[in-house]
Amino acid sequence: MADKTITCKDCGAEFIFSENEQAFYKEKGFENEPQRCPTCRRERKQQKNRRPNGNRY
């Protein structure tokens, strides 16, 4: 395996999908490569965790 350069589908930035990350994905049984850069993944996760009223509790 070698590092791969992938373009984020949300912001268009290029990011590296490293050999270590690829090995982790394979170990976890993930079949698809990431489509979003780490920043967009983090932001998307935060948006999903927000409650509709803006409070987490």
PDB file of N, CA and C in Angstrom:
ATOM      1  N   MET A   1       0.833  -1.189   0.000  1.00  0.00           N
ATOM      2  CA  MET A   1       0.000   0.000   0.000  1.00  0.00           C
ATOM      3  C   MET A   1       0.877   1.251   0.000  1.00  0.00           C
ATOM      4  N   ALA A   2       0.345   2.297  -0.561  1.00  0.00           N
ATOM      5  CA  ALA A   2       1.029   3.585  -0.582  1.00  0.00           C
ATOM      6  C   ALA A   2       0.022   4.666  -0.204  1.00  0.00           C
ATOM      7  N   ASP A   3       0.518   5.800   0.269  1.00  0.00           N
ATOM      8  CA  ASP A   3      -0.358   6.933   0.560  1.00  0.00           C
ATOM      9  C   ASP A   3      -1.144   7.297  -0.698  1.00  0.00           C
ATOM     10  N   LYS A   4      -2.405   7.696  -0.499  1.00  0.00           N
ATOM     11  CA  LYS A   4      -3.254   8.115  -1.625  1.00  0.00           C
ATOM     12  C   LYS A   4      -3.694   9.551  -1.400  1.00  0.00           C
ATOM     13  N   THR A   5      -3.764  10.313  -2.469  1.00  0.00           N
ATOM     14  CA  THR A   5      -4.295  11.660  -2.415  1.00  0.00           C
ATOM     15  C   THR A   5      -5.746  11.600  -2.876  1.00  0.00           C
ATOM     16  N   ILE A   6      -6.655  12.114  -2.031  1.00  0.00           N
ATOM     17  CA  ILE A   6      -8.081  12.087  -2.317  1.00  0.00           C
ATOM     18  C   ILE A   6      -8.605  13.520  -2.261  1.00  0.00           C
ATOM     19  N   THR A   7      -9.567  13.834  -3.101  1.00  0.00           N
ATOM     20  CA  THR A   7     -10.202  15.147  -3.099  1.00  0.00           C
ATOM     21  C   THR A   7     -11.504  15.065  -2.315  1.00  0.00           C
ATOM     22  N   CYS A   8     -11.666  15.954  -1.338  1.00  0.00           N
ATOM     23  CA  CYS A   8     -12.854  16.006  -0.497  1.00  0.00           C
ATOM     24  C   CYS A   8     -14.076  16.360  -1.328  1.00  0.00           C
ATOM     25  N   LYS A   9     -15.154  15.597  -1.140  1.00  0.00           N
ATOM     26  CA  LYS A   9     -16.365  15.853  -1.929  1.00  0.00           C
ATOM     27  C   LYS A   9     -17.134  17.074  -1.432  1.00  0.00           C
ATOM     28  N   ASP A  10     -16.835  17.550  -0.230  1.00  0.00           N
ATOM     29  CA  ASP A  10     -17.533  18.723   0.301  1.00  0.00           C
ATOM     30  C   ASP A  10     -16.808  20.025  -0.026  1.00  0.00           C
ATOM     31  N   CYS A  11     -15.524  20.117   0.344  1.00  0.00           N
ATOM     32  CA  CYS A  11     -14.810  21.391   0.191  1.00  0.00           C
ATOM     33  C   CYS A  11     -13.851  21.414  -0.995  1.00  0.00           C
ATOM     34  N   GLY A  12     -13.560  20.248  -1.595  1.00  0.00           N
ATOM     35  CA  GLY A  12     -12.674  20.183  -2.748  1.00  0.00           C
ATOM     36  C   GLY A  12     -11.197  20.167  -2.416  1.00  0.00           C
ATOM     37  N   ALA A  13     -10.860  20.185  -1.122  1.00  0.00           N
ATOM     38  CA  ALA A  13      -9.449  20.154  -0.722  1.00  0.00           C
ATOM     39  C   ALA A  13      -8.887  18.749  -0.909  1.00  0.00           C
ATOM     40  N   GLU A  14      -7.611  18.680  -1.246  1.00  0.00           N
ATOM     41  CA  GLU A  14      -6.949  17.386  -1.337  1.00  0.00           C
ATOM     42  C   GLU A  14      -6.413  17.013   0.032  1.00  0.00           C
ATOM     43  N   PHE A  15      -6.494  15.718   0.363  1.00  0.00           N
ATOM     44  CA  PHE A  15      -5.937  15.232   1.621  1.00  0.00           C
ATOM     45  C   PHE A  15      -5.309  13.871   1.388  1.00  0.00           C
ATOM     46  N   ILE A  16      -4.421  13.491   2.285  1.00  0.00           N
ATOM     47  CA  ILE A  16      -3.691  12.232   2.167  1.00  0.00           C
ATOM     48  C   ILE A  16      -4.407  11.148   2.971  1.00  0.00           C
ATOM     49  N   PHE A  17      -4.662  10.030   2.329  1.00  0.00           N
ATOM     50  CA  PHE A  17      -5.177   8.828   2.985  1.00  0.00           C
ATOM     51  C   PHE A  17      -3.948   7.934   3.159  1.00  0.00           C
ATOM     52  N   SER A  18      -3.342   8.010   4.341  1.00  0.00           N
ATOM     53  CA  SER A  18      -2.046   7.379   4.576  1.00  0.00           C
ATOM     54  C   SER A  18      -2.123   5.857   4.609  1.00  0.00           C
ATOM     55  N   GLU A  19      -0.966   5.238   4.496  1.00  0.00           N
ATOM     56  CA  GLU A  19      -0.888   3.781   4.574  1.00  0.00           C
ATOM     57  C   GLU A  19      -1.459   3.285   5.895  1.00  0.00           C
ATOM     58  N   ASN A  20      -1.137   3.987   6.991  1.00  0.00           N
ATOM     59  CA  ASN A  20      -1.637   3.598   8.306  1.00  0.00           C
ATOM     60  C   ASN A  20      -3.157   3.685   8.378  1.00  0.00           C
ATOM     61  N   GLU A  21      -3.726   4.755   7.830  1.00  0.00           N
ATOM     62  CA  GLU A  21      -5.182   4.894   7.808  1.00  0.00           C
ATOM     63  C   GLU A  21      -5.813   3.789   6.965  1.00  0.00           C
ATOM     64  N   GLN A  22      -5.188   3.465   5.841  1.00  0.00           N
ATOM     65  CA  GLN A  22      -5.704   2.409   4.978  1.00  0.00           C
ATOM     66  C   GLN A  22      -5.702   1.071   5.716  1.00  0.00           C
ATOM     67  N   ALA A  23      -4.640   0.800   6.461  1.00  0.00           N
ATOM     68  CA  ALA A  23      -4.546  -0.442   7.233  1.00  0.00           C
ATOM     69  C   ALA A  23      -5.632  -0.474   8.310  1.00  0.00           C
ATOM     70  N   PHE A  24      -5.874   0.672   8.960  1.00  0.00           N
ATOM     71  CA  PHE A  24      -6.919   0.764   9.977  1.00  0.00           C
ATOM     72  C   PHE A  24      -8.286   0.482   9.358  1.00  0.00           C
ATOM     73  N   TYR A  25      -8.585   1.095   8.217  1.00  0.00           N
ATOM     74  CA  TYR A  25      -9.863   0.876   7.535  1.00  0.00           C
ATOM     75  C   TYR A  25     -10.036  -0.601   7.195  1.00  0.00           C
ATOM     76  N   LYS A  26      -8.966  -1.224   6.680  1.00  0.00           N
ATOM     77  CA  LYS A  26      -9.026  -2.629   6.313  1.00  0.00           C
ATOM     78  C   LYS A  26      -9.267  -3.497   7.545  1.00  0.00           C
ATOM     79  N   GLU A  27      -8.579  -3.185   8.639  1.00  0.00           N
ATOM     80  CA  GLU A  27      -8.722  -3.937   9.884  1.00  0.00           C
ATOM     81  C   GLU A  27     -10.154  -3.859  10.417  1.00  0.00           C
ATOM     82  N   LYS A  28     -10.778  -2.705  10.274  1.00  0.00           N
ATOM     83  CA  LYS A  28     -12.148  -2.503  10.755  1.00  0.00           C
ATOM     84  C   LYS A  28     -13.199  -3.034   9.782  1.00  0.00           C
ATOM     85  N   GLY A  29     -12.766  -3.458   8.612  1.00  0.00           N
ATOM     86  CA  GLY A  29     -13.686  -4.013   7.628  1.00  0.00           C
ATOM     87  C   GLY A  29     -14.377  -2.966   6.767  1.00  0.00           C
ATOM     88  N   PHE A  30     -13.879  -1.736   6.790  1.00  0.00           N
ATOM     89  CA  PHE A  30     -14.455  -0.681   5.952  1.00  0.00           C
ATOM     90  C   PHE A  30     -14.049  -0.936   4.510  1.00  0.00           C
ATOM     91  N   GLU A  31     -15.006  -0.922   3.612  1.00  0.00           N
ATOM     92  CA  GLU A  31     -14.722  -1.222   2.217  1.00  0.00           C
ATOM     93  C   GLU A  31     -14.502   0.032   1.372  1.00  0.00           C
ATOM     94  N   ASN A  32     -15.010   1.183   1.836  1.00  0.00           N
ATOM     95  CA  ASN A  32     -14.892   2.421   1.065  1.00  0.00           C
ATOM     96  C   ASN A  32     -13.843   3.344   1.661  1.00  0.00           C
ATOM     97  N   GLU A  33     -13.172   4.064   0.787  1.00  0.00           N
ATOM     98  CA  GLU A  33     -12.225   5.080   1.240  1.00  0.00           C
ATOM     99  C   GLU A  33     -13.001   6.298   1.724  1.00  0.00           C
ATOM    100  N   PRO A  34     -12.388   7.128   2.570  1.00  0.00           N
ATOM    101  CA  PRO A  34     -13.090   8.340   2.995  1.00  0.00           C
ATOM    102  C   PRO A  34     -13.327   9.262   1.804  1.00  0.00           C
ATOM    103  N   GLN A  35     -14.451   9.968   1.824  1.00  0.00           N
ATOM    104  CA  GLN A  35     -14.770  10.891   0.748  1.00  0.00           C
ATOM    105  C   GLN A  35     -14.616  12.336   1.186  1.00  0.00           C
ATOM    106  N   ARG A  36     -14.454  12.533   2.502  1.00  0.00           N
ATOM    107  CA  ARG A  36     -14.311  13.885   3.053  1.00  0.00           C
ATOM    108  C   ARG A  36     -12.977  14.012   3.774  1.00  0.00           C
ATOM    109  N   CYS A  37     -12.426  15.219   3.748  1.00  0.00           N
ATOM    110  CA  CYS A  37     -11.181  15.490   4.461  1.00  0.00           C
ATOM    111  C   CYS A  37     -11.446  15.433   5.970  1.00  0.00           C
ATOM    112  N   PRO A  38     -10.414  15.294   6.780  1.00  0.00           N
ATOM    113  CA  PRO A  38     -10.621  15.223   8.237  1.00  0.00           C
ATOM    114  C   PRO A  38     -11.416  16.399   8.806  1.00  0.00           C
ATOM    115  N   THR A  39     -11.204  17.596   8.298  1.00  0.00           N
ATOM    116  CA  THR A  39     -11.934  18.765   8.796  1.00  0.00           C
ATOM    117  C   THR A  39     -13.423  18.639   8.502  1.00  0.00           C
ATOM    118  N   CYS A  40     -13.780  18.277   7.276  1.00  0.00           N
ATOM    119  CA  CYS A  40     -15.187  18.137   6.907  1.00  0.00           C
ATOM    120  C   CYS A  40     -15.825  16.960   7.645  1.00  0.00           C
ATOM    121  N   ARG A  41     -15.072  15.872   7.860  1.00  0.00           N
ATOM    122  CA  ARG A  41     -15.601  14.745   8.630  1.00  0.00           C
ATOM    123  C   ARG A  41     -15.940  15.173  10.053  1.00  0.00           C
ATOM    124  N   ARG A  42     -15.029  15.941  10.663  1.00  0.00           N
ATOM    125  CA  ARG A  42     -15.239  16.423  12.031  1.00  0.00           C
ATOM    126  C   ARG A  42     -16.465  17.335  12.106  1.00  0.00           C
ATOM    127  N   GLU A  43     -16.571  18.270  11.153  1.00  0.00           N
ATOM    128  CA  GLU A  43     -17.712  19.187  11.125  1.00  0.00           C
ATOM    129  C   GLU A  43     -19.025  18.436  10.913  1.00  0.00           C
ATOM    130  N   ARG A  44     -19.024  17.471  10.026  1.00  0.00           N
ATOM    131  CA  ARG A  44     -20.234  16.685   9.753  1.00  0.00           C
ATOM    132  C   ARG A  44     -20.659  15.899  10.992  1.00  0.00           C
ATOM    133  N   LYS A  45     -19.689  15.329  11.688  1.00  0.00           N
ATOM    134  CA  LYS A  45     -19.984  14.579  12.901  1.00  0.00           C
ATOM    135  C   LYS A  45     -20.587  15.501  13.961  1.00  0.00           C
ATOM    136  N   GLN A  46     -20.043  16.702  14.100  1.00  0.00           N
ATOM    137  CA  GLN A  46     -20.570  17.658  15.070  1.00  0.00           C
ATOM    138  C   GLN A  46     -22.000  18.052  14.718  1.00  0.00           C
ATOM    139  N   GLN A  47     -22.281  18.234  13.440  1.00  0.00           N
ATOM    140  CA  GLN A  47     -23.631  18.596  13.013  1.00  0.00           C
ATOM    141  C   GLN A  47     -24.622  17.482  13.335  1.00  0.00           C
ATOM    142  N   LYS A  48     -24.214  16.238  13.149  1.00  0.00           N
ATOM    143  CA  LYS A  48     -25.092  15.106  13.436  1.00  0.00           C
ATOM    144  C   LYS A  48     -25.367  14.981  14.932  1.00  0.00           C
ATOM    145  N   ASN A  49     -24.410  15.386  15.759  1.00  0.00           N
ATOM    146  CA  ASN A  49     -24.563  15.259  17.206  1.00  0.00           C
ATOM    147  C   ASN A  49     -25.373  16.383  17.827  1.00  0.00           C
ATOM    148  N   ARG A  50     -25.619  17.443  17.084  1.00  0.00           N
ATOM    149  CA  ARG A  50     -26.391  18.565  17.619  1.00  0.00           C
ATOM    150  C   ARG A  50     -27.865  18.206  17.700  1.00  0.00           C
ATOM    151  N   ARG A  51     -28.487  18.664  18.748  1.00  0.00           N
ATOM    152  CA  ARG A  51     -29.931  18.462  18.914  1.00  0.00           C
ATOM    153  C   ARG A  51     -30.681  19.565  18.172  1.00  0.00           C
ATOM    154  N   PRO A  52     -31.915  19.325  17.763  1.00  0.00           N
ATOM    155  CA  PRO A  52     -32.674  20.335  17.005  1.00  0.00           C
ATOM    156  C   PRO A  52     -32.839  21.662  17.746  1.00  0.00           C
ATOM    157  N   ASN A  53     -32.923  21.634  19.079  1.00  0.00           N
ATOM    158  CA  ASN A  53     -33.120  22.884  19.823  1.00  0.00           C
ATOM    159  C   ASN A  53     -31.807  23.575  20.173  1.00  0.00           C
ATOM    160  N   GLY A  54     -30.690  23.025  19.734  1.00  0.00           N
ATOM    161  CA  GLY A  54     -29.405  23.648  19.979  1.00  0.00           C
ATOM    162  C   GLY A  54     -28.749  23.236  21.282  1.00  0.00           C
ATOM    163  N   ASN A  55     -29.476  22.531  22.134  1.00  0.00           N
ATOM    164  CA  ASN A  55     -28.903  22.067  23.404  1.00  0.00           C
ATOM    165  C   ASN A  55     -28.557  20.587  23.291  1.00  0.00           C
ATOM    166  N   ARG A  56     -27.513  20.213  23.974  1.00  0.00           N
ATOM    167  CA  ARG A  56     -27.118  18.805  23.948  1.00  0.00           C
ATOM    168  C   ARG A  56     -27.766  18.038  25.092  1.00  0.00           C
ATOM    169  N   TYR A  57     -28.376  18.713  26.035  1.00  0.00           N
ATOM    170  CA  TYR A  57     -28.943  18.033  27.209  1.00  0.00           C
ATOM    171  C   TYR A  57     -30.436  18.149  27.262  1.00  0.00           C
TER     172      TYR A  57
END
